[in-house]
Amino acid sequence: MPHPVIVTPPAATPVSLVEAKAHLRVDHADEDTLITSLIAAATAHLDGWTGILGRCLVSQTWRMAFDAFPGEKIRIPLGPVISVDSVAYTDTSGDSQTVASSGYEVDLYPLEAIIKAGDAGWPDTDDVVNAVRIQWTAGYADAAAVPDAIKSAMLMLIGHWYEHREAVVVGTTTVELPLAVASLLRPYRRVGV
């Protein structure tokens, strides 16, 4: 299965600078650049195709391409899927076409979607690379809709990275707190993405 490629990144991060500063108890602007970069790092660690959750957080647009229609059903592996925006293909004349939304059916599931061909099946495509292109919007509608457990885990990561700016800590014993980041994220992780 081809890997999805991001088309339009999210307009916002799940955690704002104001929320992160409140969590860190920072009331000055001297380290806003650092805190903003930590928010971006925590978001990248969790979000999208390469994030450890295997899901999108805030609404974003993705595309996936195939050399031909991969069967009567096409699985969109990255969600939660908000909408299928287009099913485009290169026809046998080499022209780009878009399948009418009436030509397929979309079954939305919590973390993925299945696109099923309509009664007429999928159209024939040219024998070219990336002849079929699927574009969809995935994630939660906005930052406020991201589950609190994910936001709390992000704030814990940001707090840890803010306090420990080196890769290792020497001379102390560290123990992960029960019900910390991994436990907060466990219900939201996709297995086998």
N, C-alpha and C. Protein backbone atom coordinates (compact mmCIF):
# COMPACT_ATOMS: atom_id res chain seq x y z
N MET A 1 0.84 -1.18 0.00
CA MET A 1 0.00 0.00 0.00
C MET A 1 0.88 1.24 0.00
N PRO A 2 0.55 2.21 -0.85
CA PRO A 2 1.33 3.45 -0.87
C PRO A 2 1.15 4.24 0.42
N HIS A 3 2.14 5.07 0.69
CA HIS A 3 2.08 5.92 1.88
C HIS A 3 1.35 7.22 1.55
N PRO A 4 0.51 7.67 2.47
CA PRO A 4 -0.15 8.97 2.27
C PRO A 4 0.87 10.11 2.32
N VAL A 5 0.54 11.18 1.62
CA VAL A 5 1.37 12.39 1.58
C VAL A 5 0.49 13.55 2.01
N ILE A 6 1.02 14.39 2.88
CA ILE A 6 0.22 15.53 3.34
C ILE A 6 0.13 16.59 2.24
N VAL A 7 -1.07 17.12 2.06
CA VAL A 7 -1.32 18.17 1.07
C VAL A 7 -1.46 19.51 1.78
N THR A 8 -2.29 19.54 2.80
CA THR A 8 -2.51 20.77 3.58
C THR A 8 -2.34 20.43 5.05
N PRO A 9 -1.29 20.96 5.68
CA PRO A 9 -1.09 20.67 7.11
C PRO A 9 -2.16 21.34 7.96
N PRO A 10 -2.28 20.92 9.21
CA PRO A 10 -3.27 21.55 10.09
C PRO A 10 -2.99 23.04 10.27
N ALA A 11 -4.06 23.80 10.45
CA ALA A 11 -3.94 25.24 10.64
C ALA A 11 -3.49 25.60 12.06
N ALA A 12 -3.64 24.66 12.98
CA ALA A 12 -3.29 24.90 14.39
C ALA A 12 -2.73 23.62 15.00
N THR A 13 -2.05 23.78 16.11
CA THR A 13 -1.57 22.61 16.86
C THR A 13 -2.63 22.24 17.91
N PRO A 14 -2.62 21.00 18.37
CA PRO A 14 -3.60 20.60 19.38
C PRO A 14 -3.47 21.37 20.69
N VAL A 15 -2.26 21.82 20.99
CA VAL A 15 -1.99 22.59 22.22
C VAL A 15 -1.47 23.96 21.80
N SER A 16 -2.05 25.00 22.33
CA SER A 16 -1.61 26.37 21.99
C SER A 16 -0.43 26.80 22.86
N LEU A 17 0.22 27.86 22.44
CA LEU A 17 1.31 28.44 23.23
C LEU A 17 0.80 28.85 24.60
N VAL A 18 -0.39 29.44 24.67
CA VAL A 18 -0.97 29.88 25.95
C VAL A 18 -1.17 28.67 26.88
N GLU A 19 -1.71 27.57 26.33
CA GLU A 19 -1.93 26.37 27.15
C GLU A 19 -0.60 25.79 27.64
N ALA A 20 0.39 25.74 26.75
CA ALA A 20 1.69 25.19 27.13
C ALA A 20 2.36 26.06 28.20
N LYS A 21 2.30 27.38 28.04
CA LYS A 21 2.91 28.26 29.04
C LYS A 21 2.20 28.14 30.39
N ALA A 22 0.89 27.98 30.37
CA ALA A 22 0.17 27.80 31.63
C ALA A 22 0.59 26.50 32.30
N HIS A 23 0.75 25.44 31.52
CA HIS A 23 1.19 24.15 32.06
C HIS A 23 2.60 24.26 32.64
N LEU A 24 3.46 24.99 31.95
CA LEU A 24 4.85 25.15 32.39
C LEU A 24 5.01 26.21 33.47
N ARG A 25 3.95 26.95 33.75
CA ARG A 25 3.97 28.06 34.70
C ARG A 25 5.00 29.12 34.30
N VAL A 26 4.98 29.43 33.01
CA VAL A 26 5.85 30.46 32.44
C VAL A 26 4.98 31.68 32.17
N ASP A 27 5.36 32.80 32.75
CA ASP A 27 4.54 34.01 32.58
C ASP A 27 5.30 35.13 31.88
N HIS A 28 6.33 34.79 31.13
CA HIS A 28 7.09 35.77 30.35
C HIS A 28 7.18 35.27 28.91
N ALA A 29 7.64 36.16 28.03
CA ALA A 29 7.72 35.80 26.61
C ALA A 29 9.12 35.43 26.16
N ASP A 30 10.07 35.40 27.10
CA ASP A 30 11.46 35.16 26.75
C ASP A 30 11.69 33.82 26.05
N GLU A 31 10.90 32.81 26.36
CA GLU A 31 11.13 31.49 25.80
C GLU A 31 9.97 31.03 24.90
N ASP A 32 9.22 31.96 24.38
CA ASP A 32 8.10 31.61 23.49
C ASP A 32 8.56 30.82 22.27
N THR A 33 9.71 31.18 21.71
CA THR A 33 10.22 30.47 20.53
C THR A 33 10.54 29.03 20.88
N LEU A 34 11.20 28.82 22.01
CA LEU A 34 11.52 27.45 22.45
C LEU A 34 10.24 26.66 22.71
N ILE A 35 9.31 27.23 23.42
CA ILE A 35 8.07 26.52 23.77
C ILE A 35 7.27 26.20 22.50
N THR A 36 7.25 27.13 21.56
CA THR A 36 6.57 26.88 20.28
C THR A 36 7.22 25.70 19.55
N SER A 37 8.55 25.64 19.58
CA SER A 37 9.24 24.52 18.91
C SER A 37 8.97 23.20 19.64
N LEU A 38 8.82 23.23 20.96
CA LEU A 38 8.49 22.02 21.71
C LEU A 38 7.07 21.55 21.40
N ILE A 39 6.16 22.49 21.22
CA ILE A 39 4.79 22.14 20.81
C ILE A 39 4.83 21.46 19.44
N ALA A 40 5.60 22.03 18.52
CA ALA A 40 5.72 21.45 17.18
C ALA A 40 6.33 20.05 17.25
N ALA A 41 7.34 19.87 18.10
CA ALA A 41 7.98 18.56 18.24
C ALA A 41 7.01 17.53 18.82
N ALA A 42 6.25 17.92 19.83
CA ALA A 42 5.27 17.00 20.43
C ALA A 42 4.18 16.64 19.43
N THR A 43 3.76 17.63 18.65
CA THR A 43 2.75 17.37 17.62
C THR A 43 3.29 16.40 16.58
N ALA A 44 4.50 16.65 16.09
CA ALA A 44 5.11 15.77 15.08
C ALA A 44 5.31 14.36 15.63
N HIS A 45 5.61 14.24 16.92
CA HIS A 45 5.82 12.94 17.55
C HIS A 45 4.54 12.10 17.53
N LEU A 46 3.39 12.75 17.61
CA LEU A 46 2.12 12.04 17.71
C LEU A 46 1.30 12.03 16.42
N ASP A 47 1.36 13.06 15.63
CA ASP A 47 0.39 13.33 14.57
C ASP A 47 0.76 12.74 13.22
N GLY A 48 -0.25 12.39 12.45
CA GLY A 48 -0.09 12.04 11.05
C GLY A 48 0.47 10.66 10.79
N TRP A 49 0.87 10.44 9.55
CA TRP A 49 1.32 9.12 9.10
C TRP A 49 2.57 8.66 9.85
N THR A 50 3.49 9.57 10.16
CA THR A 50 4.72 9.19 10.84
C THR A 50 4.65 9.32 12.35
N GLY A 51 3.58 9.87 12.87
CA GLY A 51 3.42 10.01 14.32
C GLY A 51 3.12 8.68 14.98
N ILE A 52 3.44 8.55 16.24
CA ILE A 52 3.27 7.26 16.92
C ILE A 52 1.82 6.86 17.12
N LEU A 53 0.90 7.81 17.01
CA LEU A 53 -0.51 7.46 17.17
C LEU A 53 -1.10 6.86 15.90
N GLY A 54 -0.51 7.15 14.74
CA GLY A 54 -1.05 6.64 13.49
C GLY A 54 -2.40 7.24 13.15
N ARG A 55 -2.62 8.46 13.57
CA ARG A 55 -3.87 9.18 13.29
C ARG A 55 -3.57 10.66 13.17
N CYS A 56 -4.53 11.39 12.63
CA CYS A 56 -4.40 12.84 12.52
C CYS A 56 -5.04 13.48 13.74
N LEU A 57 -4.49 14.60 14.15
CA LEU A 57 -5.04 15.28 15.32
C LEU A 57 -5.97 16.42 14.89
N VAL A 58 -5.44 17.50 14.36
CA VAL A 58 -6.29 18.61 13.92
C VAL A 58 -6.48 18.49 12.41
N SER A 59 -7.64 18.87 11.90
CA SER A 59 -8.04 18.72 10.50
C SER A 59 -6.90 19.06 9.53
N GLN A 60 -6.66 18.13 8.59
CA GLN A 60 -5.60 18.28 7.60
C GLN A 60 -5.96 17.45 6.36
N THR A 61 -5.35 17.78 5.23
CA THR A 61 -5.67 17.11 3.98
C THR A 61 -4.51 16.23 3.54
N TRP A 62 -4.85 15.01 3.10
CA TRP A 62 -3.86 14.02 2.67
C TRP A 62 -4.21 13.49 1.29
N ARG A 63 -3.20 12.94 0.63
CA ARG A 63 -3.39 12.33 -0.69
C ARG A 63 -2.64 11.00 -0.73
N MET A 64 -3.21 10.07 -1.47
CA MET A 64 -2.57 8.79 -1.68
C MET A 64 -2.76 8.44 -3.16
N ALA A 65 -1.73 7.87 -3.79
CA ALA A 65 -1.81 7.56 -5.21
C ALA A 65 -1.52 6.09 -5.47
N PHE A 66 -2.16 5.56 -6.50
CA PHE A 66 -1.99 4.17 -6.92
C PHE A 66 -1.75 4.17 -8.43
N ASP A 67 -1.13 3.12 -8.95
CA ASP A 67 -0.93 3.02 -10.39
C ASP A 67 -2.20 2.60 -11.12
N ALA A 68 -3.16 2.03 -10.39
CA ALA A 68 -4.46 1.64 -10.92
C ALA A 68 -5.41 1.54 -9.74
N PHE A 69 -6.70 1.45 -10.00
CA PHE A 69 -7.64 1.24 -8.90
C PHE A 69 -7.32 -0.11 -8.26
N PRO A 70 -7.10 -0.15 -6.94
CA PRO A 70 -6.64 -1.37 -6.27
C PRO A 70 -7.75 -2.36 -5.92
N GLY A 71 -8.80 -2.41 -6.68
CA GLY A 71 -9.91 -3.31 -6.38
C GLY A 71 -11.18 -2.51 -6.18
N GLU A 72 -12.26 -3.19 -5.88
CA GLU A 72 -13.55 -2.54 -5.71
C GLU A 72 -13.59 -1.66 -4.46
N LYS A 73 -12.74 -1.96 -3.49
CA LYS A 73 -12.69 -1.17 -2.26
C LYS A 73 -11.29 -0.58 -2.09
N ILE A 74 -11.26 0.68 -1.68
CA ILE A 74 -9.99 1.35 -1.40
C ILE A 74 -10.00 1.74 0.07
N ARG A 75 -9.00 1.28 0.80
CA ARG A 75 -8.88 1.59 2.22
C ARG A 75 -8.06 2.85 2.40
N ILE A 76 -8.61 3.80 3.13
CA ILE A 76 -7.87 5.01 3.51
C ILE A 76 -7.31 4.73 4.91
N PRO A 77 -6.00 4.63 5.03
CA PRO A 77 -5.40 4.15 6.29
C PRO A 77 -5.16 5.20 7.36
N LEU A 78 -5.53 6.44 7.12
CA LEU A 78 -5.19 7.49 8.07
C LEU A 78 -6.42 8.32 8.38
N GLY A 79 -6.84 8.32 9.61
CA GLY A 79 -8.05 9.03 10.02
C GLY A 79 -7.81 9.73 11.34
N PRO A 80 -8.85 10.07 12.03
CA PRO A 80 -10.24 9.86 11.67
C PRO A 80 -10.60 10.67 10.42
N VAL A 81 -11.24 10.00 9.47
CA VAL A 81 -11.57 10.62 8.19
C VAL A 81 -12.81 11.50 8.36
N ILE A 82 -12.68 12.75 7.98
CA ILE A 82 -13.78 13.69 8.01
C ILE A 82 -14.55 13.60 6.69
N SER A 83 -13.80 13.58 5.57
CA SER A 83 -14.44 13.51 4.26
C SER A 83 -13.47 13.00 3.22
N VAL A 84 -14.02 12.37 2.18
CA VAL A 84 -13.24 12.06 0.99
C VAL A 84 -13.48 13.23 0.04
N ASP A 85 -12.42 13.94 -0.29
CA ASP A 85 -12.55 15.17 -1.08
C ASP A 85 -12.58 14.91 -2.57
N SER A 86 -11.79 13.93 -3.03
CA SER A 86 -11.82 13.61 -4.46
C SER A 86 -11.22 12.24 -4.73
N VAL A 87 -11.72 11.63 -5.79
CA VAL A 87 -11.16 10.41 -6.36
C VAL A 87 -10.87 10.77 -7.82
N ALA A 88 -9.60 11.00 -8.12
CA ALA A 88 -9.20 11.43 -9.45
C ALA A 88 -8.40 10.32 -10.12
N TYR A 89 -8.37 10.33 -11.45
CA TYR A 89 -7.63 9.31 -12.18
C TYR A 89 -7.21 9.85 -13.54
N THR A 90 -6.23 9.18 -14.14
CA THR A 90 -5.81 9.48 -15.49
C THR A 90 -6.50 8.49 -16.40
N ASP A 91 -7.34 8.98 -17.32
CA ASP A 91 -8.11 8.06 -18.17
C ASP A 91 -7.22 7.47 -19.27
N THR A 92 -7.78 6.57 -20.06
CA THR A 92 -7.01 5.86 -21.08
C THR A 92 -6.50 6.78 -22.18
N SER A 93 -7.00 8.01 -22.26
CA SER A 93 -6.50 9.00 -23.22
C SER A 93 -5.39 9.86 -22.63
N GLY A 94 -5.10 9.65 -21.34
CA GLY A 94 -4.05 10.42 -20.67
C GLY A 94 -4.55 11.70 -20.04
N ASP A 95 -5.87 11.88 -19.99
CA ASP A 95 -6.44 13.09 -19.40
C ASP A 95 -6.82 12.84 -17.95
N SER A 96 -6.69 13.87 -17.13
CA SER A 96 -7.08 13.77 -15.72
C SER A 96 -8.60 13.92 -15.60
N GLN A 97 -9.20 13.03 -14.83
CA GLN A 97 -10.65 13.03 -14.61
C GLN A 97 -10.91 12.90 -13.12
N THR A 98 -12.11 13.26 -12.70
CA THR A 98 -12.54 13.08 -11.32
C THR A 98 -13.80 12.25 -11.32
N VAL A 99 -13.82 11.20 -10.50
CA VAL A 99 -15.00 10.36 -10.37
C VAL A 99 -16.06 11.17 -9.62
N ALA A 100 -17.26 11.23 -10.16
CA ALA A 100 -18.36 11.93 -9.48
C ALA A 100 -18.62 11.26 -8.14
N SER A 101 -18.99 12.03 -7.15
CA SER A 101 -19.24 11.45 -5.82
C SER A 101 -20.37 10.42 -5.85
N SER A 102 -21.22 10.48 -6.86
CA SER A 102 -22.27 9.47 -7.00
C SER A 102 -21.72 8.15 -7.55
N GLY A 103 -20.48 8.15 -7.99
CA GLY A 103 -19.85 6.96 -8.55
C GLY A 103 -19.15 6.09 -7.54
N TYR A 104 -19.22 6.47 -6.29
CA TYR A 104 -18.63 5.65 -5.23
C TYR A 104 -19.35 5.92 -3.92
N GLU A 105 -19.11 5.05 -2.97
CA GLU A 105 -19.72 5.16 -1.64
C GLU A 105 -18.60 5.18 -0.61
N VAL A 106 -18.76 5.96 0.43
CA VAL A 106 -17.74 6.06 1.47
C VAL A 106 -18.31 5.55 2.78
N ASP A 107 -17.62 4.59 3.38
CA ASP A 107 -17.96 4.12 4.72
C ASP A 107 -16.92 4.69 5.67
N LEU A 108 -17.36 5.57 6.56
CA LEU A 108 -16.44 6.18 7.53
C LEU A 108 -16.40 5.34 8.79
N TYR A 109 -15.21 5.05 9.23
CA TYR A 109 -14.99 4.33 10.48
C TYR A 109 -14.22 5.27 11.39
N PRO A 110 -14.09 4.94 12.67
CA PRO A 110 -13.38 5.86 13.57
C PRO A 110 -11.96 6.21 13.13
N LEU A 111 -11.20 5.27 12.59
CA LEU A 111 -9.82 5.59 12.25
C LEU A 111 -9.49 5.47 10.78
N GLU A 112 -10.37 4.96 9.98
CA GLU A 112 -10.08 4.84 8.56
C GLU A 112 -11.40 4.93 7.81
N ALA A 113 -11.33 4.86 6.51
CA ALA A 113 -12.53 4.86 5.69
C ALA A 113 -12.33 3.87 4.56
N ILE A 114 -13.42 3.38 4.04
CA ILE A 114 -13.39 2.49 2.88
C ILE A 114 -14.18 3.19 1.77
N ILE A 115 -13.58 3.28 0.59
CA ILE A 115 -14.27 3.83 -0.57
C ILE A 115 -14.65 2.64 -1.44
N LYS A 116 -15.93 2.48 -1.70
CA LYS A 116 -16.42 1.37 -2.52
C LYS A 116 -16.86 1.90 -3.87
N ALA A 117 -16.49 1.16 -4.94
CA ALA A 117 -16.91 1.54 -6.28
C ALA A 117 -18.42 1.46 -6.39
N GLY A 118 -19.00 2.32 -7.19
CA GLY A 118 -20.44 2.27 -7.44
C GLY A 118 -20.80 1.08 -8.32
N ASP A 119 -22.04 1.00 -8.70
CA ASP A 119 -22.52 -0.13 -9.50
C ASP A 119 -21.76 -0.29 -10.81
N ALA A 120 -21.31 0.80 -11.40
CA ALA A 120 -20.59 0.73 -12.68
C ALA A 120 -19.13 0.32 -12.50
N GLY A 121 -18.66 0.22 -11.26
CA GLY A 121 -17.25 -0.10 -11.01
C GLY A 121 -16.37 1.11 -11.26
N TRP A 122 -15.09 0.91 -11.12
CA TRP A 122 -14.14 2.01 -11.34
C TRP A 122 -13.88 2.15 -12.84
N PRO A 123 -13.61 3.35 -13.31
CA PRO A 123 -13.29 3.53 -14.73
C PRO A 123 -11.90 2.96 -15.06
N ASP A 124 -11.68 2.72 -16.34
CA ASP A 124 -10.36 2.27 -16.79
C ASP A 124 -9.38 3.43 -16.70
N THR A 125 -8.13 3.08 -16.41
CA THR A 125 -7.09 4.11 -16.27
C THR A 125 -5.98 3.87 -17.27
N ASP A 126 -5.21 4.92 -17.51
CA ASP A 126 -4.03 4.82 -18.35
C ASP A 126 -2.98 4.02 -17.59
N ASP A 127 -2.05 3.42 -18.28
CA ASP A 127 -1.00 2.63 -17.66
C ASP A 127 0.18 3.56 -17.32
N VAL A 128 -0.04 4.43 -16.31
CA VAL A 128 0.98 5.38 -15.88
C VAL A 128 1.13 5.32 -14.36
N VAL A 129 2.24 5.80 -13.89
CA VAL A 129 2.48 5.86 -12.45
C VAL A 129 1.49 6.85 -11.83
N ASN A 130 0.94 6.49 -10.68
CA ASN A 130 0.01 7.35 -9.93
C ASN A 130 -1.23 7.72 -10.74
N ALA A 131 -1.76 6.76 -11.47
CA ALA A 131 -2.94 7.00 -12.30
C ALA A 131 -4.18 7.31 -11.46
N VAL A 132 -4.21 6.83 -10.22
CA VAL A 132 -5.36 7.06 -9.34
C VAL A 132 -4.89 7.87 -8.14
N ARG A 133 -5.64 8.94 -7.82
CA ARG A 133 -5.26 9.81 -6.72
C ARG A 133 -6.47 10.06 -5.83
N ILE A 134 -6.33 9.71 -4.56
CA ILE A 134 -7.40 9.89 -3.58
C ILE A 134 -6.98 11.02 -2.65
N GLN A 135 -7.87 11.96 -2.41
CA GLN A 135 -7.57 13.04 -1.47
C GLN A 135 -8.67 13.08 -0.42
N TRP A 136 -8.28 13.25 0.86
CA TRP A 136 -9.25 13.26 1.95
C TRP A 136 -8.81 14.20 3.05
N THR A 137 -9.78 14.56 3.89
CA THR A 137 -9.53 15.38 5.06
C THR A 137 -9.70 14.50 6.29
N ALA A 138 -8.73 14.59 7.19
CA ALA A 138 -8.74 13.74 8.38
C ALA A 138 -8.36 14.55 9.60
N GLY A 139 -8.71 14.03 10.76
CA GLY A 139 -8.38 14.67 12.03
C GLY A 139 -9.65 15.06 12.77
N TYR A 140 -9.47 15.72 13.88
CA TYR A 140 -10.59 16.28 14.62
C TYR A 140 -10.87 17.66 14.04
N ALA A 141 -12.09 18.11 14.13
CA ALA A 141 -12.51 19.36 13.48
C ALA A 141 -11.61 20.54 13.82
N ASP A 142 -11.20 20.64 15.08
CA ASP A 142 -10.30 21.72 15.51
C ASP A 142 -9.57 21.28 16.76
N ALA A 143 -8.69 22.13 17.26
CA ALA A 143 -7.87 21.79 18.43
C ALA A 143 -8.73 21.48 19.65
N ALA A 144 -9.86 22.16 19.80
CA ALA A 144 -10.73 21.93 20.96
C ALA A 144 -11.32 20.52 20.96
N ALA A 145 -11.43 19.90 19.80
CA ALA A 145 -12.03 18.57 19.70
C ALA A 145 -11.04 17.43 19.94
N VAL A 146 -9.75 17.73 19.99
CA VAL A 146 -8.74 16.70 20.27
C VAL A 146 -8.97 16.19 21.69
N PRO A 147 -8.98 14.86 21.88
CA PRO A 147 -9.23 14.32 23.22
C PRO A 147 -8.29 14.88 24.28
N ASP A 148 -8.84 15.13 25.46
CA ASP A 148 -8.05 15.71 26.55
C ASP A 148 -6.85 14.85 26.93
N ALA A 149 -6.98 13.53 26.84
CA ALA A 149 -5.85 12.66 27.19
C ALA A 149 -4.67 12.90 26.26
N ILE A 150 -4.93 13.10 24.98
CA ILE A 150 -3.84 13.38 24.03
C ILE A 150 -3.22 14.74 24.35
N LYS A 151 -4.03 15.73 24.63
CA LYS A 151 -3.51 17.05 24.97
C LYS A 151 -2.69 17.00 26.26
N SER A 152 -3.18 16.25 27.25
CA SER A 152 -2.44 16.12 28.51
C SER A 152 -1.10 15.44 28.29
N ALA A 153 -1.08 14.40 27.46
CA ALA A 153 0.18 13.72 27.15
C ALA A 153 1.14 14.68 26.45
N MET A 154 0.62 15.48 25.54
CA MET A 154 1.48 16.46 24.86
C MET A 154 2.07 17.46 25.85
N LEU A 155 1.24 17.94 26.77
CA LEU A 155 1.73 18.89 27.78
C LEU A 155 2.80 18.25 28.66
N MET A 156 2.63 16.97 28.98
CA MET A 156 3.66 16.28 29.78
C MET A 156 4.97 16.17 29.00
N LEU A 157 4.89 15.83 27.72
CA LEU A 157 6.09 15.78 26.89
C LEU A 157 6.76 17.14 26.81
N ILE A 158 5.97 18.17 26.54
CA ILE A 158 6.50 19.53 26.45
C ILE A 158 7.17 19.93 27.76
N GLY A 159 6.52 19.62 28.88
CA GLY A 159 7.08 19.94 30.19
C GLY A 159 8.39 19.20 30.43
N HIS A 160 8.43 17.93 30.05
CA HIS A 160 9.65 17.14 30.24
C HIS A 160 10.79 17.72 29.39
N TRP A 161 10.51 18.01 28.14
CA TRP A 161 11.54 18.54 27.25
C TRP A 161 11.97 19.95 27.67
N TYR A 162 11.06 20.71 28.22
CA TYR A 162 11.39 22.06 28.69
C TYR A 162 12.34 22.00 29.89
N GLU A 163 12.07 21.10 30.80
CA GLU A 163 12.90 20.97 32.01
C GLU A 163 14.21 20.25 31.76
N HIS A 164 14.22 19.34 30.79
CA HIS A 164 15.42 18.51 30.51
C HIS A 164 15.83 18.76 29.07
N ARG A 165 16.70 19.71 28.89
CA ARG A 165 17.05 20.14 27.53
C ARG A 165 18.20 19.37 26.92
N GLU A 166 18.70 18.41 27.62
CA GLU A 166 19.77 17.55 27.09
C GLU A 166 19.20 16.17 26.82
N ALA A 167 19.94 15.37 26.04
CA ALA A 167 19.47 14.03 25.67
C ALA A 167 19.52 13.05 26.83
N VAL A 168 20.42 13.28 27.78
CA VAL A 168 20.54 12.39 28.94
C VAL A 168 20.63 13.21 30.21
N VAL A 169 20.25 12.60 31.33
CA VAL A 169 20.39 13.22 32.64
C VAL A 169 21.39 12.38 33.41
N VAL A 170 22.42 13.01 33.95
CA VAL A 170 23.47 12.30 34.68
C VAL A 170 23.31 12.56 36.17
N GLY A 171 23.49 11.50 36.97
CA GLY A 171 23.53 11.66 38.41
C GLY A 171 22.19 11.62 39.11
N THR A 172 21.13 11.22 38.44
CA THR A 172 19.84 11.12 39.10
C THR A 172 19.18 9.80 38.70
N THR A 173 18.29 9.37 39.52
CA THR A 173 17.51 8.18 39.20
C THR A 173 16.15 8.65 38.70
N THR A 174 15.77 8.14 37.56
CA THR A 174 14.47 8.54 37.01
C THR A 174 13.56 7.33 36.92
N VAL A 175 12.31 7.58 37.18
CA VAL A 175 11.29 6.55 37.09
C VAL A 175 10.08 7.16 36.40
N GLU A 176 9.53 6.44 35.41
CA GLU A 176 8.34 6.94 34.74
C GLU A 176 7.17 6.88 35.70
N LEU A 177 6.38 7.95 35.71
CA LEU A 177 5.21 7.99 36.58
C LEU A 177 4.12 7.07 36.03
N PRO A 178 3.45 6.34 36.91
CA PRO A 178 2.32 5.55 36.42
C PRO A 178 1.26 6.49 35.84
N LEU A 179 0.57 6.02 34.85
CA LEU A 179 -0.48 6.79 34.17
C LEU A 179 0.08 8.06 33.52
N ALA A 180 1.33 7.97 33.07
CA ALA A 180 1.93 9.12 32.40
C ALA A 180 1.65 9.04 30.90
N VAL A 181 2.56 9.57 30.10
CA VAL A 181 2.34 9.76 28.67
C VAL A 181 1.88 8.48 27.97
N ALA A 182 2.61 7.39 28.13
CA ALA A 182 2.26 6.15 27.43
C ALA A 182 0.86 5.67 27.79
N SER A 183 0.51 5.77 29.05
CA SER A 183 -0.82 5.33 29.48
C SER A 183 -1.92 6.23 28.93
N LEU A 184 -1.67 7.53 28.86
CA LEU A 184 -2.67 8.44 28.32
C LEU A 184 -2.89 8.21 26.83
N LEU A 185 -1.82 7.83 26.13
CA LEU A 185 -1.91 7.67 24.68
C LEU A 185 -2.37 6.28 24.25
N ARG A 186 -2.21 5.29 25.10
CA ARG A 186 -2.49 3.90 24.71
C ARG A 186 -3.86 3.72 24.02
N PRO A 187 -4.94 4.28 24.54
CA PRO A 187 -6.25 4.05 23.87
C PRO A 187 -6.34 4.69 22.49
N TYR A 188 -5.45 5.60 22.17
CA TYR A 188 -5.53 6.33 20.91
C TYR A 188 -4.52 5.85 19.87
N ARG A 189 -3.66 4.89 20.22
CA ARG A 189 -2.65 4.40 19.29
C ARG A 189 -3.25 3.39 18.33
N ARG A 190 -2.85 3.50 17.10
CA ARG A 190 -3.24 2.50 16.09
C ARG A 190 -2.17 1.45 16.04
N VAL A 191 -2.56 0.23 16.02
CA VAL A 191 -1.62 -0.87 15.92
C VAL A 191 -1.68 -1.41 14.50
N GLY A 192 -0.52 -1.66 13.91
CA GLY A 192 -0.46 -2.24 12.58
C GLY A 192 -0.71 -1.27 11.46
N VAL A 193 -0.38 0.00 11.67
CA VAL A 193 -0.57 1.00 10.61
C VAL A 193 0.45 0.75 9.54
